[in-house]
Amino acid sequence: MAQPCNSFNVSLINQADVEGFLIQNGDCTEITGDLVIGNNVENLDGLENIKKIGGYFSMSNCDALTDIKGLKNLTEVGSWMRMQHNPM
């Protein structure tokens, strides 16, 4: 059963946001709103438990990001998904 995260819409603009998300949301598996990942994120390791995003997913201009292993369990995006200008 999906365990919703504490936040409806999640915006992760830098690595501190990613780490803070993990601290605040623990083992949640579903972001009920949107997920936006911004340009100063270095890794997505704090998002391994996320299986579903209820809204849209956007990840742009993440120059320091070398992989998206932290999203390995993501199986569903409720709206649209955009990944652009990421050099990996």
N, C-alpha and C. Protein backbone atom coordinates (compact mmCIF):
# COMPACT_ATOMS: atom_id res chain seq x y z
N MET A 1 0.84 -1.18 0.00
CA MET A 1 0.00 0.00 0.00
C MET A 1 0.89 1.25 0.00
N ALA A 2 0.52 2.22 -0.80
CA ALA A 2 1.29 3.46 -0.90
C ALA A 2 1.19 4.27 0.39
N GLN A 3 2.31 4.80 0.78
CA GLN A 3 2.35 5.68 1.94
C GLN A 3 2.66 7.09 1.43
N PRO A 4 1.67 8.00 1.47
CA PRO A 4 1.89 9.35 0.95
C PRO A 4 2.95 10.12 1.75
N CYS A 5 3.68 10.96 1.04
CA CYS A 5 4.67 11.83 1.67
C CYS A 5 3.95 12.97 2.40
N ASN A 6 4.66 13.62 3.28
CA ASN A 6 4.08 14.73 4.05
C ASN A 6 3.79 15.95 3.19
N SER A 7 4.48 16.10 2.09
CA SER A 7 4.32 17.26 1.21
C SER A 7 3.48 16.90 0.00
N PHE A 8 2.61 17.82 -0.42
CA PHE A 8 1.79 17.60 -1.61
C PHE A 8 2.64 17.79 -2.86
N ASN A 9 3.12 19.00 -3.09
CA ASN A 9 4.03 19.29 -4.20
C ASN A 9 5.43 19.39 -3.63
N VAL A 10 6.40 18.79 -4.33
CA VAL A 10 7.77 18.75 -3.84
C VAL A 10 8.67 19.43 -4.86
N SER A 11 9.46 20.39 -4.38
CA SER A 11 10.43 21.09 -5.22
C SER A 11 11.81 20.91 -4.59
N LEU A 12 12.68 20.23 -5.30
CA LEU A 12 14.03 19.95 -4.83
C LEU A 12 15.00 20.71 -5.73
N ILE A 13 15.46 21.84 -5.26
CA ILE A 13 16.29 22.74 -6.08
C ILE A 13 17.78 22.50 -5.86
N ASN A 14 18.16 22.02 -4.68
CA ASN A 14 19.57 21.75 -4.40
C ASN A 14 19.70 20.46 -3.59
N GLN A 15 20.93 20.05 -3.34
CA GLN A 15 21.15 18.79 -2.64
C GLN A 15 20.61 18.81 -1.22
N ALA A 16 20.67 19.95 -0.56
CA ALA A 16 20.12 20.07 0.79
C ALA A 16 18.62 19.79 0.79
N ASP A 17 17.92 20.19 -0.27
CA ASP A 17 16.48 19.90 -0.39
C ASP A 17 16.23 18.40 -0.49
N VAL A 18 17.07 17.70 -1.25
CA VAL A 18 16.92 16.24 -1.40
C VAL A 18 17.12 15.57 -0.05
N GLU A 19 18.17 15.95 0.64
CA GLU A 19 18.46 15.36 1.94
C GLU A 19 17.39 15.71 2.97
N GLY A 20 16.88 16.93 2.93
CA GLY A 20 15.80 17.34 3.82
C GLY A 20 14.51 16.59 3.55
N PHE A 21 14.25 16.30 2.28
CA PHE A 21 13.06 15.53 1.91
C PHE A 21 13.09 14.16 2.58
N LEU A 22 14.23 13.51 2.54
CA LEU A 22 14.36 12.19 3.15
C LEU A 22 14.14 12.26 4.65
N ILE A 23 14.70 13.26 5.30
CA ILE A 23 14.53 13.42 6.75
C ILE A 23 13.07 13.66 7.11
N GLN A 24 12.40 14.51 6.35
CA GLN A 24 11.01 14.87 6.66
C GLN A 24 9.99 13.81 6.28
N ASN A 25 10.31 13.01 5.27
CA ASN A 25 9.31 12.08 4.74
C ASN A 25 9.63 10.61 4.94
N GLY A 26 10.80 10.30 5.42
CA GLY A 26 11.14 8.92 5.75
C GLY A 26 10.88 7.92 4.65
N ASP A 27 10.01 6.96 4.92
CA ASP A 27 9.77 5.85 4.01
C ASP A 27 8.56 6.03 3.10
N CYS A 28 8.16 7.26 2.85
CA CYS A 28 6.98 7.45 2.00
C CYS A 28 7.25 6.93 0.59
N THR A 29 6.20 6.51 -0.09
CA THR A 29 6.34 5.93 -1.42
C THR A 29 5.60 6.72 -2.50
N GLU A 30 4.82 7.72 -2.10
CA GLU A 30 4.01 8.45 -3.08
C GLU A 30 4.02 9.95 -2.82
N ILE A 31 4.40 10.71 -3.85
CA ILE A 31 4.24 12.16 -3.83
C ILE A 31 2.89 12.41 -4.50
N THR A 32 1.93 12.93 -3.75
CA THR A 32 0.57 13.05 -4.28
C THR A 32 0.42 14.17 -5.29
N GLY A 33 1.30 15.14 -5.27
CA GLY A 33 1.26 16.25 -6.22
C GLY A 33 2.38 16.14 -7.24
N ASP A 34 3.07 17.25 -7.47
CA ASP A 34 4.12 17.34 -8.48
C ASP A 34 5.49 17.20 -7.85
N LEU A 35 6.46 16.77 -8.66
CA LEU A 35 7.86 16.73 -8.25
C LEU A 35 8.67 17.51 -9.26
N VAL A 36 9.39 18.53 -8.78
CA VAL A 36 10.27 19.34 -9.60
C VAL A 36 11.68 19.21 -9.04
N ILE A 37 12.62 18.82 -9.89
CA ILE A 37 14.02 18.71 -9.48
C ILE A 37 14.80 19.76 -10.25
N GLY A 38 15.50 20.62 -9.49
CA GLY A 38 16.19 21.76 -10.08
C GLY A 38 17.66 21.54 -10.35
N ASN A 39 18.32 22.61 -10.72
CA ASN A 39 19.65 22.54 -11.31
C ASN A 39 20.81 22.33 -10.35
N ASN A 40 20.64 22.41 -9.06
CA ASN A 40 21.76 22.24 -8.14
C ASN A 40 21.71 20.93 -7.37
N VAL A 41 21.08 19.93 -7.95
CA VAL A 41 20.98 18.62 -7.32
C VAL A 41 22.12 17.74 -7.84
N GLU A 42 22.83 17.10 -6.92
CA GLU A 42 23.98 16.27 -7.28
C GLU A 42 23.64 14.79 -7.38
N ASN A 43 22.71 14.31 -6.54
CA ASN A 43 22.26 12.92 -6.62
C ASN A 43 20.84 12.82 -6.07
N LEU A 44 20.19 11.74 -6.41
CA LEU A 44 18.79 11.54 -6.04
C LEU A 44 18.63 10.39 -5.04
N ASP A 45 19.68 10.10 -4.30
CA ASP A 45 19.70 8.94 -3.41
C ASP A 45 18.60 8.97 -2.35
N GLY A 46 18.08 10.10 -2.00
CA GLY A 46 17.03 10.17 -1.00
C GLY A 46 15.63 9.84 -1.51
N LEU A 47 15.53 9.52 -2.80
CA LEU A 47 14.21 9.29 -3.40
C LEU A 47 13.94 7.82 -3.76
N GLU A 48 14.78 6.91 -3.29
CA GLU A 48 14.66 5.50 -3.67
C GLU A 48 13.31 4.87 -3.37
N ASN A 49 12.61 5.35 -2.36
CA ASN A 49 11.33 4.74 -1.98
C ASN A 49 10.16 5.22 -2.83
N ILE A 50 10.33 6.28 -3.60
CA ILE A 50 9.22 6.84 -4.37
C ILE A 50 8.83 5.91 -5.51
N LYS A 51 7.57 5.50 -5.50
CA LYS A 51 7.03 4.63 -6.55
C LYS A 51 6.06 5.37 -7.46
N LYS A 52 5.43 6.42 -6.91
CA LYS A 52 4.38 7.11 -7.67
C LYS A 52 4.45 8.61 -7.42
N ILE A 53 4.25 9.36 -8.50
CA ILE A 53 4.07 10.82 -8.44
C ILE A 53 2.68 11.07 -8.99
N GLY A 54 1.81 11.67 -8.19
CA GLY A 54 0.43 11.86 -8.60
C GLY A 54 0.23 12.92 -9.67
N GLY A 55 1.09 13.93 -9.67
CA GLY A 55 0.99 15.02 -10.64
C GLY A 55 2.04 14.87 -11.73
N TYR A 56 2.72 15.98 -12.03
CA TYR A 56 3.76 15.93 -13.06
C TYR A 56 5.14 15.82 -12.44
N PHE A 57 6.11 15.42 -13.28
CA PHE A 57 7.50 15.28 -12.88
C PHE A 57 8.36 16.06 -13.86
N SER A 58 9.17 16.97 -13.33
CA SER A 58 10.05 17.79 -14.18
C SER A 58 11.45 17.80 -13.59
N MET A 59 12.44 17.54 -14.44
CA MET A 59 13.84 17.60 -14.03
C MET A 59 14.62 18.27 -15.16
N SER A 60 15.18 19.45 -14.86
CA SER A 60 15.85 20.23 -15.89
C SER A 60 17.16 20.83 -15.41
N ASN A 61 18.12 20.89 -16.32
CA ASN A 61 19.39 21.60 -16.09
C ASN A 61 20.18 21.09 -14.89
N CYS A 62 20.16 19.80 -14.67
CA CYS A 62 20.88 19.21 -13.54
C CYS A 62 22.30 18.84 -13.98
N ASP A 63 23.15 19.83 -14.09
CA ASP A 63 24.50 19.65 -14.61
C ASP A 63 25.36 18.72 -13.76
N ALA A 64 25.17 18.71 -12.46
CA ALA A 64 26.01 17.90 -11.57
C ALA A 64 25.50 16.47 -11.41
N LEU A 65 24.32 16.19 -11.91
CA LEU A 65 23.71 14.87 -11.76
C LEU A 65 24.34 13.89 -12.76
N THR A 66 24.84 12.75 -12.26
CA THR A 66 25.49 11.78 -13.14
C THR A 66 24.63 10.55 -13.42
N ASP A 67 23.58 10.33 -12.62
CA ASP A 67 22.68 9.22 -12.87
C ASP A 67 21.34 9.50 -12.17
N ILE A 68 20.38 8.65 -12.45
CA ILE A 68 19.06 8.81 -11.81
C ILE A 68 18.69 7.54 -11.05
N LYS A 69 19.68 6.88 -10.48
CA LYS A 69 19.46 5.64 -9.72
C LYS A 69 18.47 5.84 -8.57
N GLY A 70 18.41 7.02 -8.02
CA GLY A 70 17.49 7.29 -6.92
C GLY A 70 16.03 7.19 -7.31
N LEU A 71 15.76 7.16 -8.61
CA LEU A 71 14.38 7.03 -9.11
C LEU A 71 14.09 5.62 -9.61
N LYS A 72 14.91 4.66 -9.23
CA LYS A 72 14.80 3.30 -9.76
C LYS A 72 13.48 2.61 -9.46
N ASN A 73 12.78 3.03 -8.42
CA ASN A 73 11.50 2.40 -8.08
C ASN A 73 10.29 3.17 -8.58
N LEU A 74 10.51 4.30 -9.24
CA LEU A 74 9.40 5.09 -9.78
C LEU A 74 8.75 4.33 -10.93
N THR A 75 7.46 4.03 -10.79
CA THR A 75 6.75 3.28 -11.82
C THR A 75 5.56 4.02 -12.41
N GLU A 76 5.16 5.14 -11.77
CA GLU A 76 3.96 5.83 -12.26
C GLU A 76 4.07 7.34 -12.05
N VAL A 77 3.73 8.07 -13.10
CA VAL A 77 3.60 9.53 -13.05
C VAL A 77 2.19 9.84 -13.52
N GLY A 78 1.41 10.52 -12.68
CA GLY A 78 0.00 10.74 -12.97
C GLY A 78 -0.30 11.69 -14.11
N SER A 79 0.58 12.62 -14.37
CA SER A 79 0.35 13.61 -15.42
C SER A 79 1.46 13.47 -16.45
N TRP A 80 2.22 14.51 -16.68
CA TRP A 80 3.29 14.47 -17.68
C TRP A 80 4.66 14.43 -17.01
N MET A 81 5.66 14.04 -17.81
CA MET A 81 7.03 13.97 -17.34
C MET A 81 7.93 14.69 -18.34
N ARG A 82 8.83 15.54 -17.81
CA ARG A 82 9.77 16.25 -18.67
C ARG A 82 11.16 16.16 -18.05
N MET A 83 12.10 15.66 -18.83
CA MET A 83 13.50 15.63 -18.43
C MET A 83 14.27 16.28 -19.58
N GLN A 84 14.88 17.45 -19.29
CA GLN A 84 15.56 18.16 -20.37
C GLN A 84 16.83 18.85 -19.87
N HIS A 85 17.79 18.96 -20.78
CA HIS A 85 19.04 19.67 -20.51
C HIS A 85 19.79 19.08 -19.32
N ASN A 86 19.81 17.76 -19.24
CA ASN A 86 20.56 17.05 -18.21
C ASN A 86 21.67 16.28 -18.93
N PRO A 87 22.93 16.59 -18.65
CA PRO A 87 24.03 16.04 -19.44
C PRO A 87 24.33 14.57 -19.23
N MET A 88 23.71 13.92 -18.27
CA MET A 88 24.04 12.51 -18.01
C MET A 88 23.73 11.61 -19.17
